[in-house]
Amino acid sequence: MERIDLEHALSSFDDHWSPKIIAALNGQEVKLAKFRGAFDWHAHAEEDELFLVLAGAFRMEFRDRSVELERGQMIVVPRGVEHRPVADEECAVLLFEPAGLVNTGDGETSDRTTTGTWLDPESTDQA
C-alpha cells in the first residue's frame, strides 16, 4: 500500500495511446494514458470502460454522436458500443478497465494494440 502521485507518474512517460498500469483492484486495472490524435474504432463485447480526464480535453466519438470531455469530467463506455477517443491536443486520462483488456478491443491489431504495461513503482511516487 503505497501512495500514487498521478502528476509524477504522468511526467514519467511521453508516449501516446500506450496505457500505463498504476494499480489493480478487484479484477480491474487503473491505468494512465496520454492521448493525441485519433485512436482506432473498436468495441469491447464484454467490458465497460471508464475514462476520467486529468488534464486537457478529448472527445469520445460514437457512430451516431460525440461527447466532449474536459478536465474533471468522465464517461463510461458500455460494453458492445463502438467508439474511439480523439484528442486534438495532448490530454491525460485515467482509465478503469478489467485486467488484461486489449485496448483495441474487436478492432484490427495494430502497433497501438496493448493490454497496458506496469509503470515502474518509482515513477508513481514523488519522494
C-alpha atoms as a PDB file:
ATOM      1  CA  MET A   1       0.000   0.000   0.000  1.00  0.00           C
ATOM      2  CA  GLU A   2       1.890   2.946  -1.360  1.00  0.00           C
ATOM      3  CA  ARG A   3       0.667   6.353  -2.413  1.00  0.00           C
ATOM      4  CA  ILE A   4       0.490   7.132  -6.099  1.00  0.00           C
ATOM      5  CA  ASP A   5       1.237  10.660  -7.291  1.00  0.00           C
ATOM      6  CA  LEU A   6      -0.629  10.958 -10.584  1.00  0.00           C
ATOM      7  CA  GLU A   7       1.206  14.052 -11.816  1.00  0.00           C
ATOM      8  CA  HIS A   8       4.587  12.471 -11.110  1.00  0.00           C
ATOM      9  CA  ALA A   9       3.525   9.228 -12.798  1.00  0.00           C
ATOM     10  CA  LEU A  10       2.296  11.142 -15.864  1.00  0.00           C
ATOM     11  CA  SER A  11       5.580  13.031 -16.096  1.00  0.00           C
ATOM     12  CA  SER A  12       7.482   9.732 -16.337  1.00  0.00           C
ATOM     13  CA  PHE A  13       6.324   8.897 -19.880  1.00  0.00           C
ATOM     14  CA  ASP A  14       5.592  10.711 -23.139  1.00  0.00           C
ATOM     15  CA  ASP A  15       4.115   8.110 -25.491  1.00  0.00           C
ATOM     16  CA  HIS A  16       0.523   8.398 -26.668  1.00  0.00           C
ATOM     17  CA  TRP A  17      -2.064   5.604 -26.761  1.00  0.00           C
ATOM     18  CA  SER A  18       0.108   3.362 -24.576  1.00  0.00           C
ATOM     19  CA  PRO A  19      -1.638   2.943 -21.216  1.00  0.00           C
ATOM     20  CA  LYS A  20       0.465   2.515 -18.083  1.00  0.00           C
ATOM     21  CA  ILE A  21      -0.952   0.380 -15.282  1.00  0.00           C
ATOM     22  CA  ILE A  22      -0.551   2.037 -11.879  1.00  0.00           C
ATOM     23  CA  ALA A  23      -2.798  -0.131  -9.681  1.00  0.00           C
ATOM     24  CA  ALA A  24      -5.024  -3.198  -9.653  1.00  0.00           C
ATOM     25  CA  LEU A  25      -8.103  -3.956  -7.555  1.00  0.00           C
ATOM     26  CA  ASN A  26     -10.989  -6.403  -7.679  1.00  0.00           C
ATOM     27  CA  GLY A  27     -10.112  -7.677 -11.147  1.00  0.00           C
ATOM     28  CA  GLN A  28      -9.749  -4.144 -12.522  1.00  0.00           C
ATOM     29  CA  GLU A  29      -6.698  -2.172 -13.564  1.00  0.00           C
ATOM     30  CA  VAL A  30      -6.216   1.556 -13.089  1.00  0.00           C
ATOM     31  CA  LYS A  31      -4.258   2.997 -15.983  1.00  0.00           C
ATOM     32  CA  LEU A  32      -2.831   6.346 -17.019  1.00  0.00           C
ATOM     33  CA  ALA A  33      -2.648   7.285 -20.670  1.00  0.00           C
ATOM     34  CA  LYS A  34      -1.833  10.252 -22.831  1.00  0.00           C
ATOM     35  CA  PHE A  35      -3.983  10.794 -25.904  1.00  0.00           C
ATOM     36  CA  ARG A  36      -3.172  12.798 -29.016  1.00  0.00           C
ATOM     37  CA  GLY A  37      -4.850  12.395 -32.378  1.00  0.00           C
ATOM     38  CA  ALA A  38      -7.479   9.765 -33.143  1.00  0.00           C
ATOM     39  CA  PHE A  39      -7.474   6.204 -31.813  1.00  0.00           C
ATOM     40  CA  ASP A  40      -8.862   3.223 -33.720  1.00  0.00           C
ATOM     41  CA  TRP A  41     -12.596   2.463 -33.912  1.00  0.00           C
ATOM     42  CA  HIS A  42     -13.378  -0.524 -31.696  1.00  0.00           C
ATOM     43  CA  ALA A  43     -15.754  -2.068 -29.158  1.00  0.00           C
ATOM     44  CA  HIS A  44     -15.367  -4.417 -26.199  1.00  0.00           C
ATOM     45  CA  ALA A  45     -18.015  -7.151 -26.298  1.00  0.00           C
ATOM     46  CA  GLU A  46     -17.947  -7.978 -22.584  1.00  0.00           C
ATOM     47  CA  GLU A  47     -16.307  -4.994 -20.857  1.00  0.00           C
ATOM     48  CA  ASP A  48     -17.263  -1.450 -19.850  1.00  0.00           C
ATOM     49  CA  GLU A  49     -14.549   1.243 -19.754  1.00  0.00           C
ATOM     50  CA  LEU A  50     -14.282   4.379 -17.615  1.00  0.00           C
ATOM     51  CA  PHE A  51     -12.331   7.416 -18.850  1.00  0.00           C
ATOM     52  CA  LEU A  52     -11.580  10.325 -16.444  1.00  0.00           C
ATOM     53  CA  VAL A  53      -9.840  13.400 -17.877  1.00  0.00           C
ATOM     54  CA  LEU A  54      -6.960  14.549 -15.653  1.00  0.00           C
ATOM     55  CA  ALA A  55      -5.554  17.261 -17.961  1.00  0.00           C
ATOM     56  CA  GLY A  56      -6.593  18.711 -21.302  1.00  0.00           C
ATOM     57  CA  ALA A  57      -9.639  17.547 -23.215  1.00  0.00           C
ATOM     58  CA  PHE A  58     -10.783  14.930 -25.703  1.00  0.00           C
ATOM     59  CA  ARG A  59     -13.957  13.772 -27.374  1.00  0.00           C
ATOM     60  CA  MET A  60     -15.353  10.292 -27.340  1.00  0.00           C
ATOM     61  CA  GLU A  61     -16.745   9.569 -30.763  1.00  0.00           C
ATOM     62  CA  PHE A  62     -19.555   7.109 -31.275  1.00  0.00           C
ATOM     63  CA  ARG A  63     -21.014   6.211 -34.663  1.00  0.00           C
ATOM     64  CA  ASP A  64     -24.053   8.433 -34.041  1.00  0.00           C
ATOM     65  CA  ARG A  65     -22.648  11.274 -31.883  1.00  0.00           C
ATOM     66  CA  SER A  66     -19.656  12.684 -29.983  1.00  0.00           C
ATOM     67  CA  VAL A  67     -19.213  13.624 -26.328  1.00  0.00           C
ATOM     68  CA  GLU A  68     -16.732  16.386 -25.405  1.00  0.00           C
ATOM     69  CA  LEU A  69     -14.838  15.821 -22.149  1.00  0.00           C
ATOM     70  CA  GLU A  70     -12.651  18.257 -20.221  1.00  0.00           C
ATOM     71  CA  ARG A  71     -10.521  18.093 -17.077  1.00  0.00           C
ATOM     72  CA  GLY A  72     -12.507  16.646 -14.194  1.00  0.00           C
ATOM     73  CA  GLN A  73     -15.129  15.003 -16.424  1.00  0.00           C
ATOM     74  CA  MET A  74     -15.598  11.308 -17.115  1.00  0.00           C
ATOM     75  CA  ILE A  75     -17.525   8.905 -19.278  1.00  0.00           C
ATOM     76  CA  VAL A  76     -18.324   5.208 -19.052  1.00  0.00           C
ATOM     77  CA  VAL A  77     -18.484   3.451 -22.413  1.00  0.00           C
ATOM     78  CA  PRO A  78     -20.812   0.454 -22.079  1.00  0.00           C
ATOM     79  CA  ARG A  79     -19.781  -2.952 -23.377  1.00  0.00           C
ATOM     80  CA  GLY A  80     -20.515  -3.538 -27.029  1.00  0.00           C
ATOM     81  CA  VAL A  81     -20.588   0.163 -28.009  1.00  0.00           C
ATOM     82  CA  GLU A  82     -18.262   1.082 -30.867  1.00  0.00           C
ATOM     83  CA  HIS A  83     -16.183   4.132 -30.012  1.00  0.00           C
ATOM     84  CA  ARG A  84     -12.900   5.946 -30.460  1.00  0.00           C
ATOM     85  CA  PRO A  85     -11.278   8.684 -28.374  1.00  0.00           C
ATOM     86  CA  VAL A  86      -9.939  11.699 -30.274  1.00  0.00           C
ATOM     87  CA  ALA A  87      -7.704  14.410 -28.784  1.00  0.00           C
ATOM     88  CA  ASP A  88      -6.852  17.486 -30.862  1.00  0.00           C
ATOM     89  CA  GLU A  89      -4.150  18.355 -28.318  1.00  0.00           C
ATOM     90  CA  GLU A  90      -2.412  16.089 -25.811  1.00  0.00           C
ATOM     91  CA  CYS A  91      -4.517  15.146 -22.823  1.00  0.00           C
ATOM     92  CA  ALA A  92      -4.033  12.876 -19.807  1.00  0.00           C
ATOM     93  CA  VAL A  93      -6.644  10.287 -18.869  1.00  0.00           C
ATOM     94  CA  LEU A  94      -7.160   7.836 -16.008  1.00  0.00           C
ATOM     95  CA  LEU A  95      -8.838   4.572 -17.064  1.00  0.00           C
ATOM     96  CA  PHE A  96     -10.607   1.830 -15.101  1.00  0.00           C
ATOM     97  CA  GLU A  97     -10.763  -1.384 -17.092  1.00  0.00           C
ATOM     98  CA  PRO A  98     -10.955  -5.115 -16.451  1.00  0.00           C
ATOM     99  CA  ALA A  99      -7.477  -6.600 -16.051  1.00  0.00           C
ATOM    100  CA  GLY A 100      -5.987  -7.770 -19.333  1.00  0.00           C
ATOM    101  CA  LEU A 101      -8.340  -5.730 -21.531  1.00  0.00           C
ATOM    102  CA  VAL A 102      -6.905  -5.242 -25.030  1.00  0.00           C
ATOM    103  CA  ASN A 103      -7.216  -1.544 -25.850  1.00  0.00           C
ATOM    104  CA  THR A 104      -8.194  -2.087 -29.489  1.00  0.00           C
ATOM    105  CA  GLY A 105     -10.988  -4.490 -28.493  1.00  0.00           C
ATOM    106  CA  ASP A 106     -12.527  -6.114 -31.542  1.00  0.00           C
ATOM    107  CA  GLY A 107     -10.675  -3.750 -33.887  1.00  0.00           C
ATOM    108  CA  GLU A 108      -7.740  -4.758 -36.013  1.00  0.00           C
ATOM    109  CA  THR A 109      -4.451  -5.442 -34.280  1.00  0.00           C
ATOM    110  CA  SER A 110      -2.009  -2.582 -34.823  1.00  0.00           C
ATOM    111  CA  ASP A 111       1.174  -1.120 -33.369  1.00  0.00           C
ATOM    112  CA  ARG A 112      -1.093   0.512 -30.746  1.00  0.00           C
ATOM    113  CA  THR A 113      -2.589  -2.786 -29.539  1.00  0.00           C
ATOM    114  CA  THR A 114      -1.723  -3.475 -25.888  1.00  0.00           C
ATOM    115  CA  THR A 115      -3.142  -4.557 -22.563  1.00  0.00           C
ATOM    116  CA  GLY A 116      -1.013  -1.863 -20.920  1.00  0.00           C
ATOM    117  CA  THR A 117       2.320  -2.088 -19.166  1.00  0.00           C
ATOM    118  CA  TRP A 118       3.023  -1.651 -15.476  1.00  0.00           C
ATOM    119  CA  LEU A 119       4.659   1.653 -14.645  1.00  0.00           C
ATOM    120  CA  ASP A 120       7.800   1.334 -12.547  1.00  0.00           C
ATOM    121  CA  PRO A 121       6.761   1.932  -8.894  1.00  0.00           C
ATOM    122  CA  GLU A 122       9.477   4.587  -8.564  1.00  0.00           C
ATOM    123  CA  SER A 123       7.641   6.530 -11.290  1.00  0.00           C
ATOM    124  CA  THR A 124       4.419   6.656  -9.296  1.00  0.00           C
ATOM    125  CA  ASP A 125       5.590   8.292  -6.070  1.00  0.00           C
ATOM    126  CA  GLN A 126       7.440  11.552  -5.816  1.00  0.00           C
ATOM    127  CA  ALA A 127       9.868  11.323  -2.897  1.00  0.00           C
END
